[in-house]
Amino acid sequence: MFKRILVAIDGSRTSGRAFSAALDLAVTHQAVVQPYYVVEGSPMYLDVPGYDPSSLHASLMEQGASLAREAADQMKARGVSGEVVTVEATASDDVATLIIKAADAFNADLLIMGTHGRKGFQRLILGSVAERCLRQATLPVLLIPSAAEPREKATI
């Protein structure tokens, strides 16, 4: 039985499916859900004429705020308690490690996240946050594949 569920959200369809699964489980188990969004750190200072890192940062922060509002609204509509957490990663932070630490701090007994299904060169370059979380986790992890058919419209 799950009582505390951390779900990683990133605005993709796949994370929307993971969020829907978290809500379904929360309703079934009367669990508390913590949607968790990481504003990824990036090299903010590039030596490129006209590059303004503040606009990228502001856009990522706004996406996080928008996702937080949507998640809170959907949780309220389903009668699920919990609070959305948005964190800023530095360029040296590993997103998977931040997610695992957040799950520990929340005392989660389940971590849910989507997988994007990247293969080959794209996976080599971009890596897999879900795979790194799975390898580091000491709690159960539910991965929702990108090819999963949605049960209902996922918007997070």
Protein backbone atom coordinates (compact mmCIF):
# COMPACT_ATOMS: atom_id res chain seq x y z
CA MET A 1 0.00 0.00 0.00
CA PHE A 2 1.40 3.36 -1.02
CA LYS A 3 0.89 6.41 1.18
CA ARG A 4 3.43 8.90 -0.20
CA ILE A 5 4.07 9.12 -3.94
CA LEU A 6 6.64 11.37 -5.58
CA VAL A 7 6.07 11.88 -9.32
CA ALA A 8 8.62 13.58 -11.55
CA ILE A 9 7.00 15.96 -14.03
CA ASP A 10 8.61 17.80 -16.92
CA GLY A 11 5.79 18.98 -19.17
CA SER A 12 6.04 16.10 -21.63
CA ARG A 13 3.18 13.78 -22.61
CA THR A 14 5.02 10.93 -20.95
CA SER A 15 5.29 12.74 -17.62
CA GLY A 16 1.60 13.58 -17.98
CA ARG A 17 0.89 9.87 -18.18
CA ALA A 18 3.06 9.29 -15.12
CA PHE A 19 1.17 12.03 -13.26
CA SER A 20 -2.17 10.43 -14.23
CA ALA A 21 -0.92 7.08 -12.90
CA ALA A 22 0.14 8.79 -9.65
CA LEU A 23 -3.32 10.31 -9.26
CA ASP A 24 -5.00 6.96 -9.93
CA LEU A 25 -2.85 5.26 -7.29
CA ALA A 26 -3.34 8.13 -4.85
CA VAL A 27 -7.11 7.84 -5.14
CA THR A 28 -6.99 4.05 -4.73
CA HIS A 29 -4.59 4.12 -1.77
CA GLN A 30 -5.59 7.48 -0.27
CA ALA A 31 -2.00 8.60 -0.75
CA VAL A 32 -0.36 12.01 -0.71
CA VAL A 33 1.29 13.01 -3.99
CA GLN A 34 4.23 15.32 -4.50
CA PRO A 35 4.72 16.35 -8.13
CA TYR A 36 8.37 17.34 -8.53
CA TYR A 37 9.69 19.60 -11.30
CA VAL A 38 13.37 20.37 -11.81
CA VAL A 39 14.43 23.50 -13.65
CA GLU A 40 17.56 22.07 -15.18
CA GLY A 41 20.77 23.99 -14.82
CA SER A 42 22.54 24.86 -18.04
CA PRO A 43 25.63 26.76 -18.91
CA MET A 44 24.15 30.22 -18.47
CA TYR A 45 27.05 32.10 -19.92
CA LEU A 46 27.84 31.33 -23.52
CA ASP A 47 30.13 33.53 -25.52
CA VAL A 48 27.58 34.09 -28.28
CA PRO A 49 26.57 37.56 -29.41
CA GLY A 50 22.95 38.29 -28.53
CA TYR A 51 22.54 35.31 -26.21
CA ASP A 52 20.49 36.26 -23.16
CA PRO A 53 20.50 33.44 -20.55
CA SER A 54 17.91 35.23 -18.43
CA SER A 55 15.18 34.65 -21.03
CA LEU A 56 15.84 30.88 -21.05
CA HIS A 57 15.82 30.79 -17.26
CA ALA A 58 12.61 32.84 -17.07
CA SER A 59 10.95 30.53 -19.60
CA LEU A 60 11.90 27.41 -17.61
CA MET A 61 10.67 28.97 -14.38
CA GLU A 62 7.37 29.93 -16.00
CA GLN A 63 6.97 26.39 -17.33
CA GLY A 64 7.49 25.11 -13.79
CA ALA A 65 4.93 27.55 -12.39
CA SER A 66 2.42 26.61 -15.08
CA LEU A 67 2.93 22.89 -14.45
CA ALA A 68 2.53 23.48 -10.71
CA ARG A 69 -0.81 25.22 -11.25
CA GLU A 70 -2.06 22.49 -13.58
CA ALA A 71 -0.95 19.73 -11.21
CA ALA A 72 -2.55 21.42 -8.20
CA ASP A 73 -5.82 21.87 -10.11
CA GLN A 74 -5.89 18.22 -11.20
CA MET A 75 -5.05 17.02 -7.71
CA LYS A 76 -7.84 19.15 -6.23
CA ALA A 77 -10.31 17.86 -8.83
CA ARG A 78 -9.47 14.26 -7.91
CA GLY A 79 -9.43 14.91 -4.15
CA VAL A 80 -5.72 14.12 -3.86
CA SER A 81 -3.66 15.96 -1.26
CA GLY A 82 -0.09 17.07 -1.71
CA GLU A 83 2.05 19.96 -2.80
CA VAL A 84 3.94 20.60 -6.02
CA VAL A 85 7.66 21.24 -5.56
CA THR A 86 9.80 23.09 -8.10
CA VAL A 87 13.57 23.23 -7.67
CA GLU A 88 16.38 24.85 -9.61
CA ALA A 89 19.34 22.67 -10.45
CA THR A 90 22.77 24.12 -10.96
CA ALA A 91 24.79 23.19 -14.03
CA SER A 92 26.70 20.65 -11.91
CA ASP A 93 23.62 18.99 -10.36
CA ASP A 94 22.51 15.57 -11.55
CA VAL A 95 18.74 15.66 -12.03
CA ALA A 96 18.35 11.97 -11.13
CA THR A 97 20.17 12.51 -7.84
CA LEU A 98 17.95 15.51 -7.06
CA ILE A 99 14.83 13.39 -7.69
CA ILE A 100 16.08 10.55 -5.47
CA LYS A 101 16.98 13.00 -2.69
CA ALA A 102 13.53 14.60 -2.99
CA ALA A 103 11.87 11.19 -2.71
CA ASP A 104 13.93 10.49 0.43
CA ALA A 105 13.13 13.89 1.95
CA PHE A 106 9.41 13.34 1.22
CA ASN A 107 9.61 9.83 2.73
CA ALA A 108 8.06 8.54 -0.49
CA ASP A 109 7.27 4.88 -0.71
CA LEU A 110 6.87 5.04 -4.50
CA LEU A 111 8.56 7.08 -7.23
CA ILE A 112 6.72 7.43 -10.54
CA MET A 113 8.22 8.86 -13.70
CA GLY A 114 7.88 8.65 -17.44
CA THR A 115 10.47 7.33 -19.83
CA HIS A 116 11.00 9.00 -23.18
CA GLY A 117 12.16 5.87 -24.98
CA ARG A 118 15.29 7.39 -26.49
CA LYS A 119 17.64 4.99 -28.24
CA GLY A 120 21.04 4.97 -29.82
CA PHE A 121 22.95 8.22 -30.20
CA GLN A 122 20.16 10.36 -28.72
CA ARG A 123 20.20 8.25 -25.52
CA LEU A 124 23.99 8.33 -25.43
CA ILE A 125 24.06 12.14 -25.64
CA LEU A 126 20.99 12.98 -23.55
CA GLY A 127 21.22 10.07 -21.12
CA SER A 128 18.28 8.70 -19.22
CA VAL A 129 17.19 10.37 -16.00
CA ALA A 130 14.68 7.55 -15.45
CA GLU A 131 17.36 4.89 -15.82
CA ARG A 132 19.71 6.69 -13.42
CA CYS A 133 16.86 7.06 -10.89
CA LEU A 134 16.04 3.38 -11.22
CA ARG A 135 19.67 2.43 -10.56
CA GLN A 136 20.02 4.76 -7.54
CA ALA A 137 16.62 4.23 -5.92
CA THR A 138 16.08 2.38 -2.68
CA LEU A 139 12.30 2.56 -3.05
CA PRO A 140 9.98 1.07 -5.69
CA VAL A 141 10.01 2.93 -9.00
CA LEU A 142 7.14 2.82 -11.49
CA LEU A 143 8.24 3.79 -15.00
CA ILE A 144 5.58 4.77 -17.52
CA PRO A 145 6.88 4.20 -21.07
CA SER A 146 6.47 6.79 -23.79
CA ALA A 147 4.51 4.29 -25.87
CA ALA A 148 1.92 3.72 -23.14
CA GLU A 149 -1.65 4.38 -24.19
CA PRO A 150 -3.18 7.11 -22.04
CA ARG A 151 -6.26 6.14 -20.06
CA GLU A 152 -7.40 9.74 -20.08
CA LYS A 153 -6.01 12.99 -21.34
CA ALA A 154 -2.72 13.75 -19.60
CA THR A 155 -1.81 17.41 -19.43
CA ILE A 156 1.17 17.62 -17.08
